[in-house]
Amino acid sequence: DLLLSNSCIPFLGSTEGLDFRTLLLDEERGRLLVGAKDHIFLLNLVDLNKNAKKIYWPAAKEKVELCKLAGKDAHTECANFIRVLQPYNRTHVYVCGTGAFHPLCGYIELG
């Protein structure tokens, strides 16, 4: 119904089956950060598909192999699921992911 009434704009980057996990709204800059499976998206609040930026951040290959050897499912468990998006300061966001059961964190400069 929303699509038929032109009341929403679907996010086209979601066609990859990315299993979205966390969101961070940056109202001051009009952006939405979305944490997903192996990706972080930086979206424009007015039009989600306009100038969308994407960071590919997979788990290390050796961590994925260890995860599979432990009996975990390669497609649904052995990835870097982004779980934390936290403002750090005016220019950076603190980000953490599962890293295929070997958590990793870092900082993203928003620029």
PDB file of N, CA and C in Angstrom:
ATOM      1  N   ASP A   1       0.812  -1.193   0.000  1.00  0.00           N
ATOM      2  CA  ASP A   1       0.000   0.000   0.000  1.00  0.00           C
ATOM      3  C   ASP A   1       0.860   1.264   0.000  1.00  0.00           C
ATOM      4  N   LEU A   2       1.943   1.242   0.780  1.00  0.00           N
ATOM      5  CA  LEU A   2       2.814   2.423   0.820  1.00  0.00           C
ATOM      6  C   LEU A   2       3.444   2.699  -0.539  1.00  0.00           C
ATOM      7  N   LEU A   3       3.886   1.642  -1.230  1.00  0.00           N
ATOM      8  CA  LEU A   3       4.486   1.829  -2.544  1.00  0.00           C
ATOM      9  C   LEU A   3       3.464   2.362  -3.543  1.00  0.00           C
ATOM     10  N   LEU A   4       2.260   1.834  -3.506  1.00  0.00           N
ATOM     11  CA  LEU A   4       1.220   2.259  -4.435  1.00  0.00           C
ATOM     12  C   LEU A   4       0.824   3.716  -4.226  1.00  0.00           C
ATOM     13  N   SER A   5       0.886   4.175  -2.991  1.00  0.00           N
ATOM     14  CA  SER A   5       0.498   5.552  -2.689  1.00  0.00           C
ATOM     15  C   SER A   5       1.672   6.535  -2.790  1.00  0.00           C
ATOM     16  N   ASN A   6       2.839   6.043  -3.202  1.00  0.00           N
ATOM     17  CA  ASN A   6       4.052   6.866  -3.267  1.00  0.00           C
ATOM     18  C   ASN A   6       4.377   7.517  -1.929  1.00  0.00           C
ATOM     19  N   SER A   7       4.111   6.801  -0.836  1.00  0.00           N
ATOM     20  CA  SER A   7       4.379   7.313   0.505  1.00  0.00           C
ATOM     21  C   SER A   7       5.735   6.877   1.039  1.00  0.00           C
ATOM     22  N   CYS A   8       6.455   6.100   0.270  1.00  0.00           N
ATOM     23  CA  CYS A   8       7.762   5.653   0.743  1.00  0.00           C
ATOM     24  C   CYS A   8       8.706   5.479  -0.439  1.00  0.00           C
ATOM     25  N   ILE A   9       9.980   5.436  -0.120  1.00  0.00           N
ATOM     26  CA  ILE A   9      11.018   5.182  -1.116  1.00  0.00           C
ATOM     27  C   ILE A   9      11.774   3.938  -0.651  1.00  0.00           C
ATOM     28  N   PRO A  10      11.667   2.831  -1.368  1.00  0.00           N
ATOM     29  CA  PRO A  10      12.390   1.623  -0.940  1.00  0.00           C
ATOM     30  C   PRO A  10      13.895   1.787  -1.129  1.00  0.00           C
ATOM     31  N   PHE A  11      14.652   1.195  -0.228  1.00  0.00           N
ATOM     32  CA  PHE A  11      16.110   1.228  -0.313  1.00  0.00           C
ATOM     33  C   PHE A  11      16.550   0.127  -1.272  1.00  0.00           C
ATOM     34  N   LEU A  12      17.159   0.508  -2.389  1.00  0.00           N
ATOM     35  CA  LEU A  12      17.525  -0.446  -3.429  1.00  0.00           C
ATOM     36  C   LEU A  12      18.762  -1.264  -3.076  1.00  0.00           C
ATOM     37  N   GLY A  13      19.559  -0.830  -2.119  1.00  0.00           N
ATOM     38  CA  GLY A  13      20.749  -1.571  -1.727  1.00  0.00           C
ATOM     39  C   GLY A  13      20.450  -2.842  -0.967  1.00  0.00           C
ATOM     40  N   SER A  14      19.196  -3.058  -0.611  1.00  0.00           N
ATOM     41  CA  SER A  14      18.843  -4.217   0.192  1.00  0.00           C
ATOM     42  C   SER A  14      18.622  -5.472  -0.630  1.00  0.00           C
ATOM     43  N   THR A  15      18.827  -5.417  -1.944  1.00  0.00           N
ATOM     44  CA  THR A  15      18.598  -6.578  -2.794  1.00  0.00           C
ATOM     45  C   THR A  15      19.641  -7.675  -2.575  1.00  0.00           C
ATOM     46  N   GLU A  16      20.690  -7.387  -1.829  1.00  0.00           N
ATOM     47  CA  GLU A  16      21.761  -8.350  -1.623  1.00  0.00           C
ATOM     48  C   GLU A  16      21.505  -9.292  -0.446  1.00  0.00           C
ATOM     49  N   GLY A  17      20.356  -9.188   0.219  1.00  0.00           N
ATOM     50  CA  GLY A  17      20.075 -10.041   1.372  1.00  0.00           C
ATOM     51  C   GLY A  17      21.064  -9.816   2.489  1.00  0.00           C
ATOM     52  N   LEU A  18      21.188  -8.601   2.949  1.00  0.00           N
ATOM     53  CA  LEU A  18      22.270  -8.224   3.850  1.00  0.00           C
ATOM     54  C   LEU A  18      21.947  -8.357   5.333  1.00  0.00           C
ATOM     55  N   ASP A  19      20.762  -8.737   5.694  1.00  0.00           N
ATOM     56  CA  ASP A  19      20.437  -9.001   7.093  1.00  0.00           C
ATOM     57  C   ASP A  19      20.759  -7.795   7.983  1.00  0.00           C
ATOM     58  N   PHE A  20      19.968  -6.740   7.851  1.00  0.00           N
ATOM     59  CA  PHE A  20      20.200  -5.506   8.596  1.00  0.00           C
ATOM     60  C   PHE A  20      20.080  -5.741  10.094  1.00  0.00           C
ATOM     61  N   ARG A  21      20.996  -5.148  10.883  1.00  0.00           N
ATOM     62  CA  ARG A  21      21.073  -5.410  12.319  1.00  0.00           C
ATOM     63  C   ARG A  21      20.941  -4.187  13.200  1.00  0.00           C
ATOM     64  N   THR A  22      21.476  -3.055  12.787  1.00  0.00           N
ATOM     65  CA  THR A  22      21.493  -1.889  13.663  1.00  0.00           C
ATOM     66  C   THR A  22      21.409  -0.601  12.845  1.00  0.00           C
ATOM     67  N   LEU A  23      20.875   0.442  13.480  1.00  0.00           N
ATOM     68  CA  LEU A  23      20.688   1.736  12.824  1.00  0.00           C
ATOM     69  C   LEU A  23      21.231   2.847  13.709  1.00  0.00           C
ATOM     70  N   LEU A  24      21.705   3.917  13.075  1.00  0.00           N
ATOM     71  CA  LEU A  24      22.112   5.112  13.802  1.00  0.00           C
ATOM     72  C   LEU A  24      21.621   6.309  13.004  1.00  0.00           C
ATOM     73  N   LEU A  25      20.742   7.086  13.602  1.00  0.00           N
ATOM     74  CA  LEU A  25      20.174   8.262  12.966  1.00  0.00           C
ATOM     75  C   LEU A  25      21.039   9.482  13.272  1.00  0.00           C
ATOM     76  N   ASP A  26      21.490  10.169  12.223  1.00  0.00           N
ATOM     77  CA  ASP A  26      22.268  11.397  12.352  1.00  0.00           C
ATOM     78  C   ASP A  26      21.401  12.520  11.787  1.00  0.00           C
ATOM     79  N   GLU A  27      20.493  13.028  12.627  1.00  0.00           N
ATOM     80  CA  GLU A  27      19.553  14.062  12.182  1.00  0.00           C
ATOM     81  C   GLU A  27      20.263  15.354  11.793  1.00  0.00           C
ATOM     82  N   GLU A  28      21.336  15.670  12.495  1.00  0.00           N
ATOM     83  CA  GLU A  28      22.066  16.909  12.238  1.00  0.00           C
ATOM     84  C   GLU A  28      22.557  16.990  10.791  1.00  0.00           C
ATOM     85  N   ARG A  29      23.015  15.869  10.252  1.00  0.00           N
ATOM     86  CA  ARG A  29      23.531  15.835   8.885  1.00  0.00           C
ATOM     87  C   ARG A  29      22.530  15.207   7.902  1.00  0.00           C
ATOM     88  N   GLY A  30      21.369  14.780   8.397  1.00  0.00           N
ATOM     89  CA  GLY A  30      20.358  14.198   7.533  1.00  0.00           C
ATOM     90  C   GLY A  30      20.760  12.850   6.962  1.00  0.00           C
ATOM     91  N   ARG A  31      21.382  12.013   7.821  1.00  0.00           N
ATOM     92  CA  ARG A  31      21.873  10.714   7.356  1.00  0.00           C
ATOM     93  C   ARG A  31      21.405   9.591   8.269  1.00  0.00           C
ATOM     94  N   LEU A  32      21.412   8.404   7.715  1.00  0.00           N
ATOM     95  CA  LEU A  32      21.099   7.193   8.458  1.00  0.00           C
ATOM     96  C   LEU A  32      22.216   6.197   8.194  1.00  0.00           C
ATOM     97  N   LEU A  33      22.822   5.697   9.270  1.00  0.00           N
ATOM     98  CA  LEU A  33      23.818   4.638   9.144  1.00  0.00           C
ATOM     99  C   LEU A  33      23.121   3.323   9.422  1.00  0.00           C
ATOM    100  N   VAL A  34      23.393   2.342   8.591  1.00  0.00           N
ATOM    101  CA  VAL A  34      22.747   1.032   8.713  1.00  0.00           C
ATOM    102  C   VAL A  34      23.837  -0.029   8.771  1.00  0.00           C
ATOM    103  N   GLY A  35      23.809  -0.823   9.834  1.00  0.00           N
ATOM    104  CA  GLY A  35      24.732  -1.944   9.966  1.00  0.00           C
ATOM    105  C   GLY A  35      24.064  -3.203   9.468  1.00  0.00           C
ATOM    106  N   ALA A  36      24.792  -3.975   8.667  1.00  0.00           N
ATOM    107  CA  ALA A  36      24.235  -5.167   8.052  1.00  0.00           C
ATOM    108  C   ALA A  36      25.286  -6.281   8.062  1.00  0.00           C
ATOM    109  N   LYS A  37      25.009  -7.327   7.336  1.00  0.00           N
ATOM    110  CA  LYS A  37      25.958  -8.436   7.196  1.00  0.00           C
ATOM    111  C   LYS A  37      27.093  -7.988   6.281  1.00  0.00           C
ATOM    112  N   ASP A  38      28.285  -7.836   6.832  1.00  0.00           N
ATOM    113  CA  ASP A  38      29.499  -7.473   6.108  1.00  0.00           C
ATOM    114  C   ASP A  38      29.477  -6.071   5.485  1.00  0.00           C
ATOM    115  N   HIS A  39      28.486  -5.245   5.825  1.00  0.00           N
ATOM    116  CA  HIS A  39      28.378  -3.916   5.218  1.00  0.00           C
ATOM    117  C   HIS A  39      27.913  -2.869   6.223  1.00  0.00           C
ATOM    118  N   ILE A  40      28.321  -1.631   5.955  1.00  0.00           N
ATOM    119  CA  ILE A  40      27.792  -0.462   6.652  1.00  0.00           C
ATOM    120  C   ILE A  40      27.354   0.510   5.565  1.00  0.00           C
ATOM    121  N   PHE A  41      26.115   0.956   5.650  1.00  0.00           N
ATOM    122  CA  PHE A  41      25.576   1.895   4.673  1.00  0.00           C
ATOM    123  C   PHE A  41      25.442   3.270   5.308  1.00  0.00           C
ATOM    124  N   LEU A  42      25.710   4.298   4.529  1.00  0.00           N
ATOM    125  CA  LEU A  42      25.490   5.686   4.925  1.00  0.00           C
ATOM    126  C   LEU A  42      24.483   6.246   3.925  1.00  0.00           C
ATOM    127  N   LEU A  43      23.256   6.520   4.411  1.00  0.00           N
ATOM    128  CA  LEU A  43      22.149   6.885   3.535  1.00  0.00           C
ATOM    129  C   LEU A  43      21.670   8.298   3.793  1.00  0.00           C
ATOM    130  N   ASN A  44      21.133   8.915   2.763  1.00  0.00           N
ATOM    131  CA  ASN A  44      20.536  10.240   2.835  1.00  0.00           C
ATOM    132  C   ASN A  44      19.098  10.079   3.307  1.00  0.00           C
ATOM    133  N   LEU A  45      18.680  10.818   4.338  1.00  0.00           N
ATOM    134  CA  LEU A  45      17.326  10.677   4.888  1.00  0.00           C
ATOM    135  C   LEU A  45      16.233  11.132   3.924  1.00  0.00           C
ATOM    136  N   VAL A  46      16.524  12.072   3.050  1.00  0.00           N
ATOM    137  CA  VAL A  46      15.519  12.555   2.108  1.00  0.00           C
ATOM    138  C   VAL A  46      15.268  11.522   1.016  1.00  0.00           C
ATOM    139  N   ASP A  47      16.329  10.930   0.490  1.00  0.00           N
ATOM    140  CA  ASP A  47      16.217   9.899  -0.538  1.00  0.00           C
ATOM    141  C   ASP A  47      17.270   8.837  -0.237  1.00  0.00           C
ATOM    142  N   LEU A  48      16.839   7.695   0.251  1.00  0.00           N
ATOM    143  CA  LEU A  48      17.762   6.645   0.676  1.00  0.00           C
ATOM    144  C   LEU A  48      18.715   6.186  -0.423  1.00  0.00           C
ATOM    145  N   ASN A  49      18.318   6.345  -1.672  1.00  0.00           N
ATOM    146  CA  ASN A  49      19.129   5.856  -2.785  1.00  0.00           C
ATOM    147  C   ASN A  49      20.010   6.926  -3.417  1.00  0.00           C
ATOM    148  N   LYS A  50      19.896   8.162  -2.937  1.00  0.00           N
ATOM    149  CA  LYS A  50      20.700   9.259  -3.480  1.00  0.00           C
ATOM    150  C   LYS A  50      22.044   9.319  -2.757  1.00  0.00           C
ATOM    151  N   ASN A  51      23.114   9.201  -3.505  1.00  0.00           N
ATOM    152  CA  ASN A  51      24.473   9.263  -2.955  1.00  0.00           C
ATOM    153  C   ASN A  51      24.697   8.285  -1.803  1.00  0.00           C
ATOM    154  N   ALA A  52      24.077   7.126  -1.859  1.00  0.00           N
ATOM    155  CA  ALA A  52      24.282   6.115  -0.813  1.00  0.00           C
ATOM    156  C   ALA A  52      25.735   5.642  -0.860  1.00  0.00           C
ATOM    157  N   LYS A  53      26.324   5.535   0.309  1.00  0.00           N
ATOM    158  CA  LYS A  53      27.695   5.048   0.408  1.00  0.00           C
ATOM    159  C   LYS A  53      27.671   3.714   1.132  1.00  0.00           C
ATOM    160  N   LYS A  54      28.606   2.840   0.769  1.00  0.00           N
ATOM    161  CA  LYS A  54      28.637   1.502   1.348  1.00  0.00           C
ATOM    162  C   LYS A  54      30.075   1.129   1.677  1.00  0.00           C
ATOM    163  N   ILE A  55      30.272   0.622   2.871  1.00  0.00           N
ATOM    164  CA  ILE A  55      31.572   0.103   3.283  1.00  0.00           C
ATOM    165  C   ILE A  55      31.439  -1.409   3.381  1.00  0.00           C
ATOM    166  N   TYR A  56      32.287  -2.119   2.683  1.00  0.00           N
ATOM    167  CA  TYR A  56      32.322  -3.580   2.759  1.00  0.00           C
ATOM    168  C   TYR A  56      33.332  -3.947   3.838  1.00  0.00           C
ATOM    169  N   TRP A  57      32.867  -4.623   4.898  1.00  0.00           N
ATOM    170  CA  TRP A  57      33.728  -4.960   6.037  1.00  0.00           C
ATOM    171  C   TRP A  57      33.480  -6.413   6.451  1.00  0.00           C
ATOM    172  N   PRO A  58      34.020  -7.359   5.693  1.00  0.00           N
ATOM    173  CA  PRO A  58      33.794  -8.773   6.017  1.00  0.00           C
ATOM    174  C   PRO A  58      34.718  -9.237   7.136  1.00  0.00           C
ATOM    175  N   ALA A  59      34.399 -10.392   7.690  1.00  0.00           N
ATOM    176  CA  ALA A  59      35.290 -11.041   8.659  1.00  0.00           C
ATOM    177  C   ALA A  59      36.513 -11.552   7.901  1.00  0.00           C
ATOM    178  N   ALA A  60      37.620 -11.669   8.606  1.00  0.00           N
ATOM    179  CA  ALA A  60      38.841 -12.202   7.994  1.00  0.00           C
ATOM    180  C   ALA A  60      38.589 -13.638   7.523  1.00  0.00           C
ATOM    181  N   LYS A  61      39.184 -13.992   6.391  1.00  0.00           N
ATOM    182  CA  LYS A  61      38.966 -15.330   5.809  1.00  0.00           C
ATOM    183  C   LYS A  61      39.325 -16.445   6.783  1.00  0.00           C
ATOM    184  N   GLU A  62      40.411 -16.270   7.525  1.00  0.00           N
ATOM    185  CA  GLU A  62      40.808 -17.320   8.474  1.00  0.00           C
ATOM    186  C   GLU A  62      39.796 -17.460   9.620  1.00  0.00           C
ATOM    187  N   LYS A  63      39.157 -16.358  10.016  1.00  0.00           N
ATOM    188  CA  LYS A  63      38.120 -16.413  11.062  1.00  0.00           C
ATOM    189  C   LYS A  63      36.862 -17.100  10.528  1.00  0.00           C
ATOM    190  N   VAL A  64      36.549 -16.866   9.255  1.00  0.00           N
ATOM    191  CA  VAL A  64      35.398 -17.537   8.639  1.00  0.00           C
ATOM    192  C   VAL A  64      35.658 -19.041   8.570  1.00  0.00           C
ATOM    193  N   GLU A  65      36.869 -19.427   8.204  1.00  0.00           N
ATOM    194  CA  GLU A  65      37.211 -20.856   8.141  1.00  0.00           C
ATOM    195  C   GLU A  65      37.130 -21.509   9.516  1.00  0.00           C
ATOM    196  N   LEU A  66      37.637 -20.822  10.555  1.00  0.00           N
ATOM    197  CA  LEU A  66      37.533 -21.347  11.920  1.00  0.00           C
ATOM    198  C   LEU A  66      36.070 -21.501  12.337  1.00  0.00           C
ATOM    199  N   CYS A  67      35.256 -20.554  11.956  1.00  0.00           N
ATOM    200  CA  CYS A  67      33.828 -20.583  12.263  1.00  0.00           C
ATOM    201  C   CYS A  67      33.168 -21.801  11.616  1.00  0.00           C
ATOM    202  N   LYS A  68      33.499 -22.056  10.356  1.00  0.00           N
ATOM    203  CA  LYS A  68      32.930 -23.208   9.654  1.00  0.00           C
ATOM    204  C   LYS A  68      33.417 -24.521  10.272  1.00  0.00           C
ATOM    205  N   LEU A  69      34.693 -24.561  10.664  1.00  0.00           N
ATOM    206  CA  LEU A  69      35.235 -25.763  11.303  1.00  0.00           C
ATOM    207  C   LEU A  69      34.564 -26.048  12.636  1.00  0.00           C
ATOM    208  N   ALA A  70      34.054 -24.999  13.288  1.00  0.00           N
ATOM    209  CA  ALA A  70      33.357 -25.155  14.565  1.00  0.00           C
ATOM    210  C   ALA A  70      31.912 -25.630  14.357  1.00  0.00           C
ATOM    211  N   GLY A  71      31.522 -25.833  13.091  1.00  0.00           N
ATOM    212  CA  GLY A  71      30.194 -26.353  12.809  1.00  0.00           C
ATOM    213  C   GLY A  71      29.119 -25.302  12.578  1.00  0.00           C
ATOM    214  N   LYS A  72      29.520 -24.066  12.447  1.00  0.00           N
ATOM    215  CA  LYS A  72      28.563 -22.984  12.216  1.00  0.00           C
ATOM    216  C   LYS A  72      28.225 -22.910  10.726  1.00  0.00           C
ATOM    217  N   ASP A  73      27.068 -22.345  10.425  1.00  0.00           N
ATOM    218  CA  ASP A  73      26.622 -22.199   9.048  1.00  0.00           C
ATOM    219  C   ASP A  73      27.378 -21.054   8.369  1.00  0.00           C
ATOM    220  N   ALA A  74      27.979 -21.341   7.225  1.00  0.00           N
ATOM    221  CA  ALA A  74      28.810 -20.359   6.530  1.00  0.00           C
ATOM    222  C   ALA A  74      28.024 -19.134   6.069  1.00  0.00           C
ATOM    223  N   HIS A  75      26.751 -19.298   5.736  1.00  0.00           N
ATOM    224  CA  HIS A  75      25.967 -18.185   5.193  1.00  0.00           C
ATOM    225  C   HIS A  75      25.229 -17.374   6.251  1.00  0.00           C
ATOM    226  N   THR A  76      24.854 -18.008   7.344  1.00  0.00           N
ATOM    227  CA  THR A  76      24.036 -17.296   8.338  1.00  0.00           C
ATOM    228  C   THR A  76      24.768 -16.969   9.633  1.00  0.00           C
ATOM    229  N   GLU A  77      25.962 -17.523   9.847  1.00  0.00           N
ATOM    230  CA  GLU A  77      26.662 -17.276  11.109  1.00  0.00           C
ATOM    231  C   GLU A  77      28.105 -16.810  10.949  1.00  0.00           C
ATOM    232  N   CYS A  78      28.770 -17.222   9.881  1.00  0.00           N
ATOM    233  CA  CYS A  78      30.198 -16.945   9.713  1.00  0.00           C
ATOM    234  C   CYS A  78      30.429 -15.703   8.860  1.00  0.00           C
ATOM    235  N   ALA A  79      30.008 -14.571   9.389  1.00  0.00           N
ATOM    236  CA  ALA A  79      30.172 -13.293   8.691  1.00  0.00           C
ATOM    237  C   ALA A  79      30.451 -12.227   9.739  1.00  0.00           C
ATOM    238  N   ASN A  80      30.597 -11.006   9.299  1.00  0.00           N
ATOM    239  CA  ASN A  80      30.771  -9.891  10.219  1.00  0.00           C
ATOM    240  C   ASN A  80      29.444  -9.126  10.292  1.00  0.00           C
ATOM    241  N   PHE A  81      28.608  -9.507  11.233  1.00  0.00           N
ATOM    242  CA  PHE A  81      27.332  -8.831  11.427  1.00  0.00           C
ATOM    243  C   PHE A  81      27.577  -7.581  12.268  1.00  0.00           C
ATOM    244  N   ILE A  82      27.289  -6.418  11.692  1.00  0.00           N
ATOM    245  CA  ILE A  82      27.525  -5.154  12.388  1.00  0.00           C
ATOM    246  C   ILE A  82      26.473  -5.016  13.485  1.00  0.00           C
ATOM    247  N   ARG A  83      26.921  -4.919  14.737  1.00  0.00           N
ATOM    248  CA  ARG A  83      26.019  -4.874  15.893  1.00  0.00           C
ATOM    249  C   ARG A  83      26.013  -3.539  16.615  1.00  0.00           C
ATOM    250  N   VAL A  84      27.089  -2.753  16.483  1.00  0.00           N
ATOM    251  CA  VAL A  84      27.192  -1.486  17.217  1.00  0.00           C
ATOM    252  C   VAL A  84      27.529  -0.361  16.248  1.00  0.00           C
ATOM    253  N   LEU A  85      26.725   0.682  16.281  1.00  0.00           N
ATOM    254  CA  LEU A  85      26.997   1.955  15.605  1.00  0.00           C
ATOM    255  C   LEU A  85      26.766   3.022  16.662  1.00  0.00           C
ATOM    256  N   GLN A  86      27.829   3.618  17.135  1.00  0.00           N
ATOM    257  CA  GLN A  86      27.738   4.553  18.258  1.00  0.00           C
ATOM    258  C   GLN A  86      28.493   5.833  17.928  1.00  0.00           C
ATOM    259  N   PRO A  87      27.849   7.000  18.068  1.00  0.00           N
ATOM    260  CA  PRO A  87      28.590   8.247  17.827  1.00  0.00           C
ATOM    261  C   PRO A  87      29.789   8.333  18.772  1.00  0.00           C
ATOM    262  N   TYR A  88      30.938   8.705  18.234  1.00  0.00           N
ATOM    263  CA  TYR A  88      32.134   8.857  19.045  1.00  0.00           C
ATOM    264  C   TYR A  88      32.422  10.343  19.282  1.00  0.00           C
ATOM    265  N   ASN A  89      32.432  11.091  18.197  1.00  0.00           N
ATOM    266  CA  ASN A  89      32.568  12.549  18.274  1.00  0.00           C
ATOM    267  C   ASN A  89      31.907  13.130  17.019  1.00  0.00           C
ATOM    268  N   ARG A  90      32.154  14.378  16.720  1.00  0.00           N
ATOM    269  CA  ARG A  90      31.473  15.014  15.573  1.00  0.00           C
ATOM    270  C   ARG A  90      31.906  14.427  14.225  1.00  0.00           C
ATOM    271  N   THR A  91      33.045  13.776  14.177  1.00  0.00           N
ATOM    272  CA  THR A  91      33.568  13.299  12.900  1.00  0.00           C
ATOM    273  C   THR A  91      33.642  11.780  12.766  1.00  0.00           C
ATOM    274  N   HIS A  92      33.480  11.042  13.878  1.00  0.00           N
ATOM    275  CA  HIS A  92      33.673   9.599  13.836  1.00  0.00           C
ATOM    276  C   HIS A  92      32.523   8.833  14.509  1.00  0.00           C
ATOM    277  N   VAL A  93      32.334   7.615  14.039  1.00  0.00           N
ATOM    278  CA  VAL A  93      31.377   6.675  14.627  1.00  0.00           C
ATOM    279  C   VAL A  93      32.166   5.432  15.033  1.00  0.00           C
ATOM    280  N   TYR A  94      31.875   4.932  16.214  1.00  0.00           N
ATOM    281  CA  TYR A  94      32.477   3.692  16.702  1.00  0.00           C
ATOM    282  C   TYR A  94      31.623   2.538  16.201  1.00  0.00           C
ATOM    283  N   VAL A  95      32.257   1.530  15.591  1.00  0.00           N
ATOM    284  CA  VAL A  95      31.545   0.428  14.954  1.00  0.00           C
ATOM    285  C   VAL A  95      32.127  -0.891  15.435  1.00  0.00           C
ATOM    286  N   CYS A  96      31.233  -1.851  15.756  1.00  0.00           N
ATOM    287  CA  CYS A  96      31.680  -3.195  16.119  1.00  0.00           C
ATOM    288  C   CYS A  96      30.863  -4.231  15.362  1.00  0.00           C
ATOM    289  N   GLY A  97      31.539  -5.310  14.996  1.00  0.00           N
ATOM    290  CA  GLY A  97      30.883  -6.415  14.320  1.00  0.00           C
ATOM    291  C   GLY A  97      31.283  -7.733  14.952  1.00  0.00           C
ATOM    292  N   THR A  98      30.553  -8.786  14.605  1.00  0.00           N
ATOM    293  CA  THR A  98      30.781 -10.101  15.200  1.00  0.00           C
ATOM    294  C   THR A  98      32.052 -10.765  14.687  1.00  0.00           C
ATOM    295  N   GLY A  99      32.494 -10.431  13.485  1.00  0.00           N
ATOM    296  CA  GLY A  99      33.749 -10.963  12.946  1.00  0.00           C
ATOM    297  C   GLY A  99      33.809 -12.476  12.898  1.00  0.00           C
ATOM    298  N   ALA A 100      32.704 -13.144  12.584  1.00  0.00           N
ATOM    299  CA  ALA A 100      32.641 -14.613  12.533  1.00  0.00           C
ATOM    300  C   ALA A 100      33.060 -15.204  13.879  1.00  0.00           C
ATOM    301  N   PHE A 101      32.437 -14.706  14.948  1.00  0.00           N
ATOM    302  CA  PHE A 101      32.686 -15.135  16.335  1.00  0.00           C
ATOM    303  C   PHE A 101      34.057 -14.712  16.854  1.00  0.00           C
ATOM    304  N   HIS A 102      34.654 -13.693  16.222  1.00  0.00           N
ATOM    305  CA  HIS A 102      35.889 -13.064  16.682  1.00  0.00           C
ATOM    306  C   HIS A 102      35.668 -11.561  16.551  1.00  0.00           C
ATOM    307  N   PRO A 103      34.963 -10.951  17.527  1.00  0.00           N
ATOM    308  CA  PRO A 103      34.523  -9.550  17.417  1.00  0.00           C
ATOM    309  C   PRO A 103      35.651  -8.588  17.079  1.00  0.00           C
ATOM    310  N   LEU A 104      35.278  -7.575  16.278  1.00  0.00           N
ATOM    311  CA  LEU A 104      36.231  -6.539  15.914  1.00  0.00           C
ATOM    312  C   LEU A 104      35.509  -5.203  15.902  1.00  0.00           C
ATOM    313  N   CYS A 105      36.250  -4.163  16.246  1.00  0.00           N
ATOM    314  CA  CYS A 105      35.691  -2.821  16.318  1.00  0.00           C
ATOM    315  C   CYS A 105      36.625  -1.847  15.614  1.00  0.00           C
ATOM    316  N   GLY A 106      36.082  -0.700  15.267  1.00  0.00           N
ATOM    317  CA  GLY A 106      36.886   0.327  14.621  1.00  0.00           C
ATOM    318  C   GLY A 106      36.137   1.655  14.602  1.00  0.00           C
ATOM    319  N   TYR A 107      36.721   2.634  13.984  1.00  0.00           N
ATOM    320  CA  TYR A 107      36.139   3.965  13.863  1.00  0.00           C
ATOM    321  C   TYR A 107      35.955   4.290  12.393  1.00  0.00           C
ATOM    322  N   ILE A 108      34.838   4.905  12.088  1.00  0.00           N
ATOM    323  CA  ILE A 108      34.573   5.369  10.722  1.00  0.00           C
ATOM    324  C   ILE A 108      34.582   6.890  10.748  1.00  0.00           C
ATOM    325  N   GLU A 109      35.366   7.469   9.861  1.00  0.00           N
ATOM    326  CA  GLU A 109      35.344   8.923   9.711  1.00  0.00           C
ATOM    327  C   GLU A 109      34.207   9.262   8.763  1.00  0.00           C
ATOM    328  N   LEU A 110      33.284  10.092   9.231  1.00  0.00           N
ATOM    329  CA  LEU A 110      32.105  10.403   8.441  1.00  0.00           C
ATOM    330  C   LEU A 110      32.377  11.355   7.296  1.00  0.00           C
ATOM    331  N   GLY A 111      33.300  12.274   7.464  1.00  0.00           N
ATOM    332  CA  GLY A 111      33.713  13.171   6.394  1.00  0.00           C
ATOM    333  C   GLY A 111      32.619  14.060   5.842  1.00  0.00           C
TER     334      GLY A 111
END
